[in-house]
Amino acid sequence: MPGYSPELNPDELLNADLKHHVHAARATSADGPAHETRRILHRRQKQPHVICGHFAARHVPYTIQ
């Protein structure tokens, strides 16, 4: 595997998902982005199908074989 291949790393898929949702939320204070990050990660804990989807992505099937 190449030294850095974000498309092959399920962690990076979660990071991209997180960045997308944090960016879409409008911060109302300096703590807004941190609060939104915690909120999204807490929500993802209750959505295992979303996390499993990152491992089933086209480029990362090696993680579940």
PDB file of N, CA and C in Angstrom:
ATOM      1  N   MET A   1       0.851  -1.169   0.000  1.00  0.00           N
ATOM      2  CA  MET A   1       0.000   0.000   0.000  1.00  0.00           C
ATOM      3  C   MET A   1       0.902   1.239   0.000  1.00  0.00           C
ATOM      4  N   PRO A   2       0.530   2.258  -0.748  1.00  0.00           N
ATOM      5  CA  PRO A   2       1.312   3.496  -0.777  1.00  0.00           C
ATOM      6  C   PRO A   2       1.399   4.132   0.612  1.00  0.00           C
ATOM      7  N   GLY A   3       2.411   4.983   0.792  1.00  0.00           N
ATOM      8  CA  GLY A   3       2.622   5.633   2.079  1.00  0.00           C
ATOM      9  C   GLY A   3       1.410   6.392   2.584  1.00  0.00           C
ATOM     10  N   TYR A   4       0.738   7.121   1.728  1.00  0.00           N
ATOM     11  CA  TYR A   4      -0.455   7.867   2.143  1.00  0.00           C
ATOM     12  C   TYR A   4      -1.509   7.735   1.065  1.00  0.00           C
ATOM     13  N   SER A   5      -2.573   7.039   1.358  1.00  0.00           N
ATOM     14  CA  SER A   5      -3.680   6.854   0.427  1.00  0.00           C
ATOM     15  C   SER A   5      -4.985   7.029   1.174  1.00  0.00           C
ATOM     16  N   PRO A   6      -5.449   8.252   1.306  1.00  0.00           N
ATOM     17  CA  PRO A   6      -6.667   8.483   2.084  1.00  0.00           C
ATOM     18  C   PRO A   6      -7.879   7.724   1.565  1.00  0.00           C
ATOM     19  N   GLU A   7      -7.936   7.475   0.260  1.00  0.00           N
ATOM     20  CA  GLU A   7      -9.095   6.764  -0.285  1.00  0.00           C
ATOM     21  C   GLU A   7      -9.118   5.299   0.142  1.00  0.00           C
ATOM     22  N   LEU A   8      -7.998   4.784   0.664  1.00  0.00           N
ATOM     23  CA  LEU A   8      -7.941   3.401   1.128  1.00  0.00           C
ATOM     24  C   LEU A   8      -8.107   3.284   2.640  1.00  0.00           C
ATOM     25  N   ASN A   9      -8.319   4.394   3.304  1.00  0.00           N
ATOM     26  CA  ASN A   9      -8.352   4.419   4.759  1.00  0.00           C
ATOM     27  C   ASN A   9      -9.753   4.800   5.254  1.00  0.00           C
ATOM     28  N   PRO A  10     -10.474   3.868   5.881  1.00  0.00           N
ATOM     29  CA  PRO A  10     -11.820   4.175   6.370  1.00  0.00           C
ATOM     30  C   PRO A  10     -11.857   5.348   7.351  1.00  0.00           C
ATOM     31  N   ASP A  11     -10.773   5.555   8.101  1.00  0.00           N
ATOM     32  CA  ASP A  11     -10.720   6.707   9.019  1.00  0.00           C
ATOM     33  C   ASP A  11     -10.873   8.011   8.257  1.00  0.00           C
ATOM     34  N   GLU A  12     -10.243   8.079   7.100  1.00  0.00           N
ATOM     35  CA  GLU A  12     -10.322   9.296   6.292  1.00  0.00           C
ATOM     36  C   GLU A  12     -11.726   9.506   5.744  1.00  0.00           C
ATOM     37  N   LEU A  13     -12.447   8.415   5.487  1.00  0.00           N
ATOM     38  CA  LEU A  13     -13.834   8.544   5.027  1.00  0.00           C
ATOM     39  C   LEU A  13     -14.703   9.124   6.138  1.00  0.00           C
ATOM     40  N   LEU A  14     -14.458   8.702   7.370  1.00  0.00           N
ATOM     41  CA  LEU A  14     -15.181   9.280   8.508  1.00  0.00           C
ATOM     42  C   LEU A  14     -14.808  10.751   8.671  1.00  0.00           C
ATOM     43  N   ASN A  15     -13.523  11.076   8.524  1.00  0.00           N
ATOM     44  CA  ASN A  15     -13.092  12.477   8.625  1.00  0.00           C
ATOM     45  C   ASN A  15     -13.773  13.339   7.568  1.00  0.00           C
ATOM     46  N   ALA A  16     -13.878  12.827   6.345  1.00  0.00           N
ATOM     47  CA  ALA A  16     -14.532  13.581   5.275  1.00  0.00           C
ATOM     48  C   ALA A  16     -16.011  13.794   5.595  1.00  0.00           C
ATOM     49  N   ASP A  17     -16.657  12.761   6.123  1.00  0.00           N
ATOM     50  CA  ASP A  17     -18.061  12.863   6.529  1.00  0.00           C
ATOM     51  C   ASP A  17     -18.215  13.921   7.619  1.00  0.00           C
ATOM     52  N   LEU A  18     -17.334  13.892   8.589  1.00  0.00           N
ATOM     53  CA  LEU A  18     -17.361  14.854   9.691  1.00  0.00           C
ATOM     54  C   LEU A  18     -17.142  16.278   9.180  1.00  0.00           C
ATOM     55  N   LYS A  19     -16.129  16.467   8.341  1.00  0.00           N
ATOM     56  CA  LYS A  19     -15.842  17.801   7.797  1.00  0.00           C
ATOM     57  C   LYS A  19     -17.033  18.345   7.014  1.00  0.00           C
ATOM     58  N   HIS A  20     -17.675  17.466   6.248  1.00  0.00           N
ATOM     59  CA  HIS A  20     -18.838  17.883   5.460  1.00  0.00           C
ATOM     60  C   HIS A  20     -19.939  18.424   6.372  1.00  0.00           C
ATOM     61  N   HIS A  21     -20.235  17.700   7.439  1.00  0.00           N
ATOM     62  CA  HIS A  21     -21.319  18.116   8.327  1.00  0.00           C
ATOM     63  C   HIS A  21     -20.953  19.320   9.188  1.00  0.00           C
ATOM     64  N   VAL A  22     -19.710  19.407   9.636  1.00  0.00           N
ATOM     65  CA  VAL A  22     -19.292  20.567  10.428  1.00  0.00           C
ATOM     66  C   VAL A  22     -19.305  21.812   9.554  1.00  0.00           C
ATOM     67  N   HIS A  23     -18.851  21.667   8.319  1.00  0.00           N
ATOM     68  CA  HIS A  23     -18.834  22.810   7.402  1.00  0.00           C
ATOM     69  C   HIS A  23     -20.253  23.289   7.095  1.00  0.00           C
ATOM     70  N   ALA A  24     -21.187  22.348   6.982  1.00  0.00           N
ATOM     71  CA  ALA A  24     -22.567  22.702   6.648  1.00  0.00           C
ATOM     72  C   ALA A  24     -23.287  23.395   7.804  1.00  0.00           C
ATOM     73  N   ALA A  25     -22.819  23.161   9.028  1.00  0.00           N
ATOM     74  CA  ALA A  25     -23.455  23.778  10.201  1.00  0.00           C
ATOM     75  C   ALA A  25     -22.929  25.200  10.372  1.00  0.00           C
ATOM     76  N   ARG A  26     -23.783  26.083  10.735  1.00  0.00           N
ATOM     77  CA  ARG A  26     -23.388  27.478  10.936  1.00  0.00           C
ATOM     78  C   ARG A  26     -22.966  27.684  12.386  1.00  0.00           C
ATOM     79  N   ALA A  27     -21.726  28.089  12.572  1.00  0.00           N
ATOM     80  CA  ALA A  27     -21.217  28.325  13.930  1.00  0.00           C
ATOM     81  C   ALA A  27     -21.800  29.623  14.473  1.00  0.00           C
ATOM     82  N   THR A  28     -22.270  29.573  15.706  1.00  0.00           N
ATOM     83  CA  THR A  28     -22.841  30.764  16.340  1.00  0.00           C
ATOM     84  C   THR A  28     -21.939  31.298  17.442  1.00  0.00           C
ATOM     85  N   SER A  29     -20.840  30.585  17.717  1.00  0.00           N
ATOM     86  CA  SER A  29     -19.892  31.028  18.741  1.00  0.00           C
ATOM     87  C   SER A  29     -18.520  30.452  18.413  1.00  0.00           C
ATOM     88  N   ALA A  30     -17.523  30.841  19.191  1.00  0.00           N
ATOM     89  CA  ALA A  30     -16.174  30.318  18.981  1.00  0.00           C
ATOM     90  C   ALA A  30     -16.115  28.817  19.256  1.00  0.00           C
ATOM     91  N   ASP A  31     -16.975  28.342  20.153  1.00  0.00           N
ATOM     92  CA  ASP A  31     -17.013  26.915  20.473  1.00  0.00           C
ATOM     93  C   ASP A  31     -17.909  26.130  19.520  1.00  0.00           C
ATOM     94  N   GLY A  32     -18.534  26.801  18.586  1.00  0.00           N
ATOM     95  CA  GLY A  32     -19.480  26.159  17.679  1.00  0.00           C
ATOM     96  C   GLY A  32     -18.930  24.962  16.932  1.00  0.00           C
ATOM     97  N   PRO A  33     -17.788  25.090  16.245  1.00  0.00           N
ATOM     98  CA  PRO A  33     -17.266  23.934  15.509  1.00  0.00           C
ATOM     99  C   PRO A  33     -16.938  22.741  16.413  1.00  0.00           C
ATOM    100  N   ALA A  34     -16.369  22.994  17.589  1.00  0.00           N
ATOM    101  CA  ALA A  34     -16.058  21.893  18.510  1.00  0.00           C
ATOM    102  C   ALA A  34     -17.344  21.233  19.002  1.00  0.00           C
ATOM    103  N   HIS A  35     -18.343  22.040  19.313  1.00  0.00           N
ATOM    104  CA  HIS A  35     -19.630  21.500  19.766  1.00  0.00           C
ATOM    105  C   HIS A  35     -20.272  20.678  18.657  1.00  0.00           C
ATOM    106  N   GLU A  36     -20.237  21.187  17.442  1.00  0.00           N
ATOM    107  CA  GLU A  36     -20.827  20.481  16.306  1.00  0.00           C
ATOM    108  C   GLU A  36     -20.090  19.171  16.044  1.00  0.00           C
ATOM    109  N   THR A  37     -18.773  19.178  16.176  1.00  0.00           N
ATOM    110  CA  THR A  37     -17.987  17.957  15.992  1.00  0.00           C
ATOM    111  C   THR A  37     -18.405  16.895  17.001  1.00  0.00           C
ATOM    112  N   ARG A  38     -18.513  17.273  18.262  1.00  0.00           N
ATOM    113  CA  ARG A  38     -18.951  16.323  19.295  1.00  0.00           C
ATOM    114  C   ARG A  38     -20.361  15.816  19.009  1.00  0.00           C
ATOM    115  N   ARG A  39     -21.238  16.707  18.588  1.00  0.00           N
ATOM    116  CA  ARG A  39     -22.628  16.323  18.304  1.00  0.00           C
ATOM    117  C   ARG A  39     -22.691  15.305  17.168  1.00  0.00           C
ATOM    118  N   ILE A  40     -21.930  15.566  16.116  1.00  0.00           N
ATOM    119  CA  ILE A  40     -21.943  14.664  14.959  1.00  0.00           C
ATOM    120  C   ILE A  40     -21.352  13.306  15.324  1.00  0.00           C
ATOM    121  N   LEU A  41     -20.224  13.302  16.041  1.00  0.00           N
ATOM    122  CA  LEU A  41     -19.615  12.028  16.425  1.00  0.00           C
ATOM    123  C   LEU A  41     -20.525  11.246  17.369  1.00  0.00           C
ATOM    124  N   HIS A  42     -21.215  11.933  18.258  1.00  0.00           N
ATOM    125  CA  HIS A  42     -22.163  11.257  19.146  1.00  0.00           C
ATOM    126  C   HIS A  42     -23.304  10.652  18.327  1.00  0.00           C
ATOM    127  N   ARG A  43     -23.774  11.381  17.336  1.00  0.00           N
ATOM    128  CA  ARG A  43     -24.840  10.869  16.467  1.00  0.00           C
ATOM    129  C   ARG A  43     -24.350   9.649  15.685  1.00  0.00           C
ATOM    130  N   ARG A  44     -23.107   9.703  15.206  1.00  0.00           N
ATOM    131  CA  ARG A  44     -22.557   8.574  14.448  1.00  0.00           C
ATOM    132  C   ARG A  44     -22.433   7.321  15.317  1.00  0.00           C
ATOM    133  N   GLN A  45     -22.215   7.489  16.616  1.00  0.00           N
ATOM    134  CA  GLN A  45     -22.159   6.328  17.507  1.00  0.00           C
ATOM    135  C   GLN A  45     -23.469   5.562  17.480  1.00  0.00           C
ATOM    136  N   LYS A  46     -24.552   6.246  17.226  1.00  0.00           N
ATOM    137  CA  LYS A  46     -25.875   5.619  17.206  1.00  0.00           C
ATOM    138  C   LYS A  46     -26.286   5.207  15.797  1.00  0.00           C
ATOM    139  N   GLN A  47     -25.369   5.351  14.840  1.00  0.00           N
ATOM    140  CA  GLN A  47     -25.641   4.996  13.449  1.00  0.00           C
ATOM    141  C   GLN A  47     -24.560   4.052  12.929  1.00  0.00           C
ATOM    142  N   PRO A  48     -24.499   2.835  13.453  1.00  0.00           N
ATOM    143  CA  PRO A  48     -23.436   1.923  13.028  1.00  0.00           C
ATOM    144  C   PRO A  48     -23.483   1.607  11.535  1.00  0.00           C
ATOM    145  N   HIS A  49     -24.658   1.706  10.924  1.00  0.00           N
ATOM    146  CA  HIS A  49     -24.748   1.440   9.491  1.00  0.00           C
ATOM    147  C   HIS A  49     -23.927   2.449   8.686  1.00  0.00           C
ATOM    148  N   VAL A  50     -23.819   3.673   9.173  1.00  0.00           N
ATOM    149  CA  VAL A  50     -23.016   4.687   8.483  1.00  0.00           C
ATOM    150  C   VAL A  50     -21.535   4.334   8.604  1.00  0.00           C
ATOM    151  N   ILE A  51     -21.104   3.971   9.805  1.00  0.00           N
ATOM    152  CA  ILE A  51     -19.705   3.597  10.020  1.00  0.00           C
ATOM    153  C   ILE A  51     -19.363   2.350   9.209  1.00  0.00           C
ATOM    154  N   CYS A  52     -20.237   1.362   9.217  1.00  0.00           N
ATOM    155  CA  CYS A  52     -20.002   0.149   8.424  1.00  0.00           C
ATOM    156  C   CYS A  52     -19.920   0.480   6.940  1.00  0.00           C
ATOM    157  N   GLY A  53     -20.666   1.474   6.524  1.00  0.00           N
ATOM    158  CA  GLY A  53     -20.612   1.899   5.128  1.00  0.00           C
ATOM    159  C   GLY A  53     -19.240   2.409   4.726  1.00  0.00           C
ATOM    160  N   HIS A  54     -18.523   3.024   5.656  1.00  0.00           N
ATOM    161  CA  HIS A  54     -17.162   3.479   5.352  1.00  0.00           C
ATOM    162  C   HIS A  54     -16.244   2.287   5.096  1.00  0.00           C
ATOM    163  N   PHE A  55     -16.483   1.182   5.784  1.00  0.00           N
ATOM    164  CA  PHE A  55     -15.657  -0.008   5.593  1.00  0.00           C
ATOM    165  C   PHE A  55     -16.081  -0.803   4.360  1.00  0.00           C
ATOM    166  N   ALA A  56     -17.261  -0.544   3.855  1.00  0.00           N
ATOM    167  CA  ALA A  56     -17.740  -1.238   2.666  1.00  0.00           C
ATOM    168  C   ALA A  56     -17.531  -0.409   1.403  1.00  0.00           C
ATOM    169  N   ALA A  57     -16.856   0.715   1.532  1.00  0.00           N
ATOM    170  CA  ALA A  57     -16.606   1.570   0.366  1.00  0.00           C
ATOM    171  C   ALA A  57     -15.816   0.803  -0.690  1.00  0.00           C
ATOM    172  N   ARG A  58     -15.949   1.226  -1.899  1.00  0.00           N
ATOM    173  CA  ARG A  58     -15.360   0.528  -3.042  1.00  0.00           C
ATOM    174  C   ARG A  58     -13.860   0.295  -2.899  1.00  0.00           C
ATOM    175  N   HIS A  59     -13.136   1.254  -2.350  1.00  0.00           N
ATOM    176  CA  HIS A  59     -11.676   1.151  -2.292  1.00  0.00           C
ATOM    177  C   HIS A  59     -11.146   0.469  -1.037  1.00  0.00           C
ATOM    178  N   VAL A  60     -11.988   0.132  -0.093  1.00  0.00           N
ATOM    179  CA  VAL A  60     -11.493  -0.436   1.169  1.00  0.00           C
ATOM    180  C   VAL A  60     -12.058  -1.822   1.504  1.00  0.00           C
ATOM    181  N   PRO A  61     -12.343  -2.662   0.519  1.00  0.00           N
ATOM    182  CA  PRO A  61     -12.892  -3.975   0.868  1.00  0.00           C
ATOM    183  C   PRO A  61     -11.893  -4.849   1.631  1.00  0.00           C
ATOM    184  N   TYR A  62     -10.601  -4.526   1.531  1.00  0.00           N
ATOM    185  CA  TYR A  62      -9.595  -5.316   2.248  1.00  0.00           C
ATOM    186  C   TYR A  62      -9.819  -5.278   3.759  1.00  0.00           C
ATOM    187  N   THR A  63     -10.533  -4.270   4.261  1.00  0.00           N
ATOM    188  CA  THR A  63     -10.722  -4.140   5.707  1.00  0.00           C
ATOM    189  C   THR A  63     -11.733  -5.129   6.265  1.00  0.00           C
ATOM    190  N   ILE A  64     -12.573  -5.703   5.418  1.00  0.00           N
ATOM    191  CA  ILE A  64     -13.597  -6.626   5.920  1.00  0.00           C
ATOM    192  C   ILE A  64     -13.418  -8.035   5.378  1.00  0.00           C
ATOM    193  N   GLN A  65     -12.328  -8.289   4.709  1.00  0.00           N
ATOM    194  CA  GLN A  65     -12.099  -9.633   4.160  1.00  0.00           C
ATOM    195  C   GLN A  65     -11.454 -10.536   5.169  1.00  0.00           C
TER     196      GLN A  65
END
